[in-house]
Amino acid sequence: GVERITENGLIANGKEYEVDCIIYASGFEVGSDYTKRAGFDPVGKEGVALSKAWEDGMRTLHGLHVHGFPNAFIVQPNQAALLISNVPHNIVDHANTISTVVAHAEATNAQTVEPTQAAQDAWVELVLSGAGMMIGNTECTPGYYNNEGEGVTEKNRHGLGHPAGARAFFAHIAAWRDSGTFEGLTFT
């Protein structure tokens, strides 16, 4: 491993390797359950934990809203633009959606925001309708796209993104936000 950094590069196993640039990256966890990555397991209005609600696969509206979990906004790329696009772009787009939804809730004196079961089911059906790009190809080098070479389970498929890709998702969610109707959400 790397022993130390010098003015010109890295020392590893007693030998200096000259480099022009060092990129510090600890990586990130992809493909594990959301509750594991988040470090907590939210409990919804019926006393059901998110891990239980998603035990057979993630279910959201736009990758952001979860039926049974009012006022919860899940900021993550699954069932949205996925990791096909830049992660900060995903986060900013979700932030724009959240701020627009919250502003509407405040303007209408709503205390809760939650997707309908029907809207969530329709969104999941849309996500599952796509080819999933290369996901699941066990002939590829093991990685998060193919469940580390183990093939993709039905639960894994629920973590896909918009079937037409990131640009289509961003266009869809922008039109949804801009319409002001927030189809599929209930404000109470």
C-alpha atoms as a PDB file:
ATOM      1  CA  GLY A   1       0.000   0.000   0.000  1.00  0.00           C
ATOM      2  CA  VAL A   2       0.844   3.659  -0.079  1.00  0.00           C
ATOM      3  CA  GLU A   3       3.281   4.538   2.694  1.00  0.00           C
ATOM      4  CA  ARG A   4       3.526   8.282   2.212  1.00  0.00           C
ATOM      5  CA  ILE A   5       3.162  11.160  -0.206  1.00  0.00           C
ATOM      6  CA  THR A   6       6.146  13.149  -1.445  1.00  0.00           C
ATOM      7  CA  GLU A   7       6.494  16.370  -3.398  1.00  0.00           C
ATOM      8  CA  ASN A   8       6.604  14.350  -6.635  1.00  0.00           C
ATOM      9  CA  GLY A   9       4.374  11.368  -6.003  1.00  0.00           C
ATOM     10  CA  LEU A  10       3.612   8.386  -3.820  1.00  0.00           C
ATOM     11  CA  ILE A  11       5.869   5.962  -1.959  1.00  0.00           C
ATOM     12  CA  ALA A  12       4.563   2.396  -2.050  1.00  0.00           C
ATOM     13  CA  ASN A  13       6.557  -0.670  -0.988  1.00  0.00           C
ATOM     14  CA  GLY A  14       9.642   1.497  -0.657  1.00  0.00           C
ATOM     15  CA  LYS A  15       9.490   2.823  -4.234  1.00  0.00           C
ATOM     16  CA  GLU A  16       8.478   6.319  -5.336  1.00  0.00           C
ATOM     17  CA  TYR A  17       5.931   6.590  -8.141  1.00  0.00           C
ATOM     18  CA  GLU A  18       5.797  10.037  -9.725  1.00  0.00           C
ATOM     19  CA  VAL A  19       2.317  11.364 -10.405  1.00  0.00           C
ATOM     20  CA  ASP A  20       0.867  14.604 -11.734  1.00  0.00           C
ATOM     21  CA  CYS A  21      -2.291  14.453  -9.672  1.00  0.00           C
ATOM     22  CA  ILE A  22      -3.637  12.546  -6.679  1.00  0.00           C
ATOM     23  CA  ILE A  23      -7.369  12.015  -6.432  1.00  0.00           C
ATOM     24  CA  TYR A  24      -8.574  11.140  -2.957  1.00  0.00           C
ATOM     25  CA  ALA A  25     -11.653   8.941  -3.227  1.00  0.00           C
ATOM     26  CA  SER A  26     -12.909   6.590  -0.581  1.00  0.00           C
ATOM     27  CA  GLY A  27     -15.663   5.274  -2.826  1.00  0.00           C
ATOM     28  CA  PHE A  28     -19.301   4.886  -2.006  1.00  0.00           C
ATOM     29  CA  GLU A  29     -21.670   2.067  -1.300  1.00  0.00           C
ATOM     30  CA  VAL A  30     -24.025   1.181  -4.121  1.00  0.00           C
ATOM     31  CA  GLY A  31     -26.656  -1.504  -4.327  1.00  0.00           C
ATOM     32  CA  SER A  32     -27.163  -2.158  -0.641  1.00  0.00           C
ATOM     33  CA  ASP A  33     -30.460  -1.447   1.066  1.00  0.00           C
ATOM     34  CA  TYR A  34     -31.235   2.230   1.523  1.00  0.00           C
ATOM     35  CA  THR A  35     -31.652   1.851   5.287  1.00  0.00           C
ATOM     36  CA  LYS A  36     -28.128   0.413   5.547  1.00  0.00           C
ATOM     37  CA  ARG A  37     -26.652   3.307   3.565  1.00  0.00           C
ATOM     38  CA  ALA A  38     -28.691   5.904   5.486  1.00  0.00           C
ATOM     39  CA  GLY A  39     -27.786   4.425   8.858  1.00  0.00           C
ATOM     40  CA  PHE A  40     -31.361   4.361  10.149  1.00  0.00           C
ATOM     41  CA  ASP A  41     -34.681   2.705   9.376  1.00  0.00           C
ATOM     42  CA  PRO A  42     -37.600   5.182   9.220  1.00  0.00           C
ATOM     43  CA  VAL A  43     -40.978   4.028  10.512  1.00  0.00           C
ATOM     44  CA  GLY A  44     -44.101   5.034   8.588  1.00  0.00           C
ATOM     45  CA  LYS A  45     -47.528   6.094   9.748  1.00  0.00           C
ATOM     46  CA  GLU A  46     -48.781   2.518  10.175  1.00  0.00           C
ATOM     47  CA  GLY A  47     -45.755   1.528  12.265  1.00  0.00           C
ATOM     48  CA  VAL A  48     -44.078  -0.243   9.327  1.00  0.00           C
ATOM     49  CA  ALA A  49     -40.324   0.206   8.970  1.00  0.00           C
ATOM     50  CA  LEU A  50     -39.023   1.235   5.552  1.00  0.00           C
ATOM     51  CA  SER A  51     -36.895  -1.919   5.409  1.00  0.00           C
ATOM     52  CA  LYS A  52     -40.067  -3.989   5.803  1.00  0.00           C
ATOM     53  CA  ALA A  53     -42.001  -1.917   3.237  1.00  0.00           C
ATOM     54  CA  TRP A  54     -39.165  -2.449   0.760  1.00  0.00           C
ATOM     55  CA  GLU A  55     -38.208  -6.029   1.627  1.00  0.00           C
ATOM     56  CA  ASP A  56     -39.241  -7.188  -1.870  1.00  0.00           C
ATOM     57  CA  GLY A  57     -37.831  -4.107  -3.588  1.00  0.00           C
ATOM     58  CA  MET A  58     -37.887  -0.338  -3.422  1.00  0.00           C
ATOM     59  CA  ARG A  59     -41.212   1.339  -4.127  1.00  0.00           C
ATOM     60  CA  THR A  60     -41.429   5.105  -4.624  1.00  0.00           C
ATOM     61  CA  LEU A  61     -42.975   7.850  -6.666  1.00  0.00           C
ATOM     62  CA  HIS A  62     -40.144   9.472  -8.647  1.00  0.00           C
ATOM     63  CA  GLY A  63     -37.527   7.858  -6.403  1.00  0.00           C
ATOM     64  CA  LEU A  64     -38.399  10.470  -3.794  1.00  0.00           C
ATOM     65  CA  HIS A  65     -41.808   9.931  -2.173  1.00  0.00           C
ATOM     66  CA  VAL A  66     -42.965   6.751  -0.399  1.00  0.00           C
ATOM     67  CA  HIS A  67     -46.583   5.804   0.268  1.00  0.00           C
ATOM     68  CA  GLY A  68     -47.100   5.315   4.004  1.00  0.00           C
ATOM     69  CA  PHE A  69     -44.258   7.700   4.862  1.00  0.00           C
ATOM     70  CA  PRO A  70     -45.774  11.194   4.800  1.00  0.00           C
ATOM     71  CA  ASN A  71     -43.388  14.148   4.686  1.00  0.00           C
ATOM     72  CA  ALA A  72     -40.463  11.821   3.985  1.00  0.00           C
ATOM     73  CA  PHE A  73     -38.290  12.729   1.023  1.00  0.00           C
ATOM     74  CA  ILE A  74     -35.736  10.087   0.016  1.00  0.00           C
ATOM     75  CA  VAL A  75     -32.840  11.773  -1.790  1.00  0.00           C
ATOM     76  CA  GLN A  76     -31.182   9.048  -3.858  1.00  0.00           C
ATOM     77  CA  PRO A  77     -30.819   8.160  -7.548  1.00  0.00           C
ATOM     78  CA  ASN A  78     -32.800   4.907  -7.642  1.00  0.00           C
ATOM     79  CA  GLN A  79     -36.142   4.972  -9.435  1.00  0.00           C
ATOM     80  CA  ALA A  80     -35.100   8.411 -10.701  1.00  0.00           C
ATOM     81  CA  ALA A  81     -32.123   9.305 -12.922  1.00  0.00           C
ATOM     82  CA  LEU A  82     -29.977   6.526 -11.430  1.00  0.00           C
ATOM     83  CA  LEU A  83     -26.182   6.801 -11.432  1.00  0.00           C
ATOM     84  CA  ILE A  84     -26.134   7.308 -15.195  1.00  0.00           C
ATOM     85  CA  SER A  85     -25.972  11.044 -14.531  1.00  0.00           C
ATOM     86  CA  ASN A  86     -23.805  13.185 -12.292  1.00  0.00           C
ATOM     87  CA  VAL A  87     -24.639  12.616  -8.609  1.00  0.00           C
ATOM     88  CA  PRO A  88     -24.741  16.338  -7.690  1.00  0.00           C
ATOM     89  CA  HIS A  89     -27.151  16.869 -10.610  1.00  0.00           C
ATOM     90  CA  ASN A  90     -29.397  14.165  -9.111  1.00  0.00           C
ATOM     91  CA  ILE A  91     -29.260  15.822  -5.687  1.00  0.00           C
ATOM     92  CA  VAL A  92     -29.956  19.326  -7.018  1.00  0.00           C
ATOM     93  CA  ASP A  93     -32.893  18.056  -9.064  1.00  0.00           C
ATOM     94  CA  HIS A  94     -34.361  16.297  -6.015  1.00  0.00           C
ATOM     95  CA  ALA A  95     -33.818  19.480  -3.967  1.00  0.00           C
ATOM     96  CA  ASN A  96     -35.715  21.493  -6.591  1.00  0.00           C
ATOM     97  CA  THR A  97     -38.571  19.001  -6.449  1.00  0.00           C
ATOM     98  CA  ILE A  98     -38.661  18.963  -2.650  1.00  0.00           C
ATOM     99  CA  SER A  99     -38.623  22.760  -2.378  1.00  0.00           C
ATOM    100  CA  THR A 100     -41.424  23.064  -4.943  1.00  0.00           C
ATOM    101  CA  VAL A 101     -43.553  20.447  -3.156  1.00  0.00           C
ATOM    102  CA  VAL A 102     -42.941  22.025   0.264  1.00  0.00           C
ATOM    103  CA  ALA A 103     -43.769  25.499  -1.092  1.00  0.00           C
ATOM    104  CA  HIS A 104     -47.066  24.135  -2.439  1.00  0.00           C
ATOM    105  CA  ALA A 105     -47.814  22.473   0.908  1.00  0.00           C
ATOM    106  CA  GLU A 106     -47.181  25.748   2.724  1.00  0.00           C
ATOM    107  CA  ALA A 107     -49.277  27.728   0.234  1.00  0.00           C
ATOM    108  CA  THR A 108     -52.216  25.365   0.707  1.00  0.00           C
ATOM    109  CA  ASN A 109     -51.765  24.995   4.493  1.00  0.00           C
ATOM    110  CA  ALA A 110     -51.198  21.265   4.068  1.00  0.00           C
ATOM    111  CA  GLN A 111     -49.555  19.488   6.980  1.00  0.00           C
ATOM    112  CA  THR A 112     -48.662  16.297   5.134  1.00  0.00           C
ATOM    113  CA  VAL A 113     -47.498  15.277   1.682  1.00  0.00           C
ATOM    114  CA  GLU A 114     -47.674  11.655   0.556  1.00  0.00           C
ATOM    115  CA  PRO A 115     -47.964   9.761  -2.717  1.00  0.00           C
ATOM    116  CA  THR A 116     -51.053   7.713  -3.415  1.00  0.00           C
ATOM    117  CA  GLN A 117     -50.608   3.965  -3.581  1.00  0.00           C
ATOM    118  CA  ALA A 118     -51.841   3.999  -7.189  1.00  0.00           C
ATOM    119  CA  ALA A 119     -49.291   6.636  -8.257  1.00  0.00           C
ATOM    120  CA  GLN A 120     -46.464   4.789  -6.545  1.00  0.00           C
ATOM    121  CA  ASP A 121     -47.500   1.487  -8.141  1.00  0.00           C
ATOM    122  CA  ALA A 122     -47.685   3.114 -11.591  1.00  0.00           C
ATOM    123  CA  TRP A 123     -44.211   4.628 -11.177  1.00  0.00           C
ATOM    124  CA  VAL A 124     -42.695   1.306 -10.087  1.00  0.00           C
ATOM    125  CA  GLU A 125     -44.353  -0.379 -13.068  1.00  0.00           C
ATOM    126  CA  LEU A 126     -42.792   2.241 -15.357  1.00  0.00           C
ATOM    127  CA  VAL A 127     -39.341   1.717 -13.802  1.00  0.00           C
ATOM    128  CA  LEU A 128     -39.631  -2.058 -14.201  1.00  0.00           C
ATOM    129  CA  SER A 129     -40.809  -1.740 -17.820  1.00  0.00           C
ATOM    130  CA  GLY A 130     -37.399  -0.677 -19.093  1.00  0.00           C
ATOM    131  CA  ALA A 131     -34.550  -2.831 -20.234  1.00  0.00           C
ATOM    132  CA  GLY A 132     -32.441  -1.605 -17.352  1.00  0.00           C
ATOM    133  CA  MET A 133     -29.623  -0.882 -19.770  1.00  0.00           C
ATOM    134  CA  MET A 134     -26.802  -3.314 -18.958  1.00  0.00           C
ATOM    135  CA  ILE A 135     -27.944  -4.232 -15.487  1.00  0.00           C
ATOM    136  CA  GLY A 136     -27.631  -7.892 -14.735  1.00  0.00           C
ATOM    137  CA  ASN A 137     -25.141  -8.865 -17.427  1.00  0.00           C
ATOM    138  CA  THR A 138     -23.146 -11.548 -15.614  1.00  0.00           C
ATOM    139  CA  GLU A 139     -20.591 -11.638 -18.440  1.00  0.00           C
ATOM    140  CA  CYS A 140     -19.342  -8.189 -17.432  1.00  0.00           C
ATOM    141  CA  THR A 141     -16.739  -7.576 -14.755  1.00  0.00           C
ATOM    142  CA  PRO A 142     -18.405  -7.921 -11.336  1.00  0.00           C
ATOM    143  CA  GLY A 143     -19.687  -4.616 -10.006  1.00  0.00           C
ATOM    144  CA  TYR A 144     -22.793  -2.894  -8.747  1.00  0.00           C
ATOM    145  CA  TYR A 145     -24.521  -3.051 -12.137  1.00  0.00           C
ATOM    146  CA  ASN A 146     -24.673  -6.847 -12.033  1.00  0.00           C
ATOM    147  CA  ASN A 147     -24.891  -7.562  -8.313  1.00  0.00           C
ATOM    148  CA  GLU A 148     -21.147  -8.295  -8.173  1.00  0.00           C
ATOM    149  CA  GLY A 149     -21.516 -10.928 -10.918  1.00  0.00           C
ATOM    150  CA  GLU A 150     -24.244 -12.827  -9.105  1.00  0.00           C
ATOM    151  CA  GLY A 151     -27.026 -11.797 -11.462  1.00  0.00           C
ATOM    152  CA  VAL A 152     -29.853  -9.476 -10.631  1.00  0.00           C
ATOM    153  CA  THR A 153     -32.777 -10.422  -8.417  1.00  0.00           C
ATOM    154  CA  GLU A 154     -36.286  -9.027  -8.682  1.00  0.00           C
ATOM    155  CA  LYS A 155     -35.477  -6.887  -5.637  1.00  0.00           C
ATOM    156  CA  ASN A 156     -32.397  -5.473  -7.425  1.00  0.00           C
ATOM    157  CA  ARG A 157     -34.505  -4.560 -10.468  1.00  0.00           C
ATOM    158  CA  HIS A 158     -36.564  -2.241  -8.259  1.00  0.00           C
ATOM    159  CA  GLY A 159     -33.446  -0.095  -7.873  1.00  0.00           C
ATOM    160  CA  LEU A 160     -33.319   0.804 -11.571  1.00  0.00           C
ATOM    161  CA  GLY A 161     -33.841   4.302 -12.903  1.00  0.00           C
ATOM    162  CA  HIS A 162     -36.208   5.814 -15.429  1.00  0.00           C
ATOM    163  CA  PRO A 163     -36.394   3.359 -18.362  1.00  0.00           C
ATOM    164  CA  ALA A 164     -35.624   6.067 -20.943  1.00  0.00           C
ATOM    165  CA  GLY A 165     -32.568   7.324 -19.056  1.00  0.00           C
ATOM    166  CA  ALA A 166     -31.507  10.293 -16.970  1.00  0.00           C
ATOM    167  CA  ARG A 167     -32.403  13.033 -19.457  1.00  0.00           C
ATOM    168  CA  ALA A 168     -35.914  11.636 -19.820  1.00  0.00           C
ATOM    169  CA  PHE A 169     -36.287  11.510 -16.039  1.00  0.00           C
ATOM    170  CA  PHE A 170     -35.108  15.101 -15.596  1.00  0.00           C
ATOM    171  CA  ALA A 171     -37.510  16.265 -18.329  1.00  0.00           C
ATOM    172  CA  HIS A 172     -40.378  14.276 -16.778  1.00  0.00           C
ATOM    173  CA  ILE A 173     -39.844  15.550 -13.249  1.00  0.00           C
ATOM    174  CA  ALA A 174     -39.379  19.166 -14.413  1.00  0.00           C
ATOM    175  CA  ALA A 175     -42.681  19.023 -16.314  1.00  0.00           C
ATOM    176  CA  TRP A 176     -44.337  17.396 -13.285  1.00  0.00           C
ATOM    177  CA  ARG A 177     -43.024  20.139 -10.970  1.00  0.00           C
ATOM    178  CA  ASP A 178     -43.845  22.953 -13.378  1.00  0.00           C
ATOM    179  CA  SER A 179     -47.426  21.768 -13.884  1.00  0.00           C
ATOM    180  CA  GLY A 180     -48.249  22.699 -10.287  1.00  0.00           C
ATOM    181  CA  THR A 181     -50.744  19.828 -10.050  1.00  0.00           C
ATOM    182  CA  PHE A 182     -48.342  17.381  -8.367  1.00  0.00           C
ATOM    183  CA  GLU A 183     -50.199  14.435  -9.844  1.00  0.00           C
ATOM    184  CA  GLY A 184     -49.935  11.407  -7.568  1.00  0.00           C
ATOM    185  CA  LEU A 185     -49.346  13.345  -4.338  1.00  0.00           C
ATOM    186  CA  THR A 186     -51.931  14.068  -1.691  1.00  0.00           C
ATOM    187  CA  PHE A 187     -51.684  17.224   0.406  1.00  0.00           C
ATOM    188  CA  THR A 188     -53.679  17.130   3.658  1.00  0.00           C
END
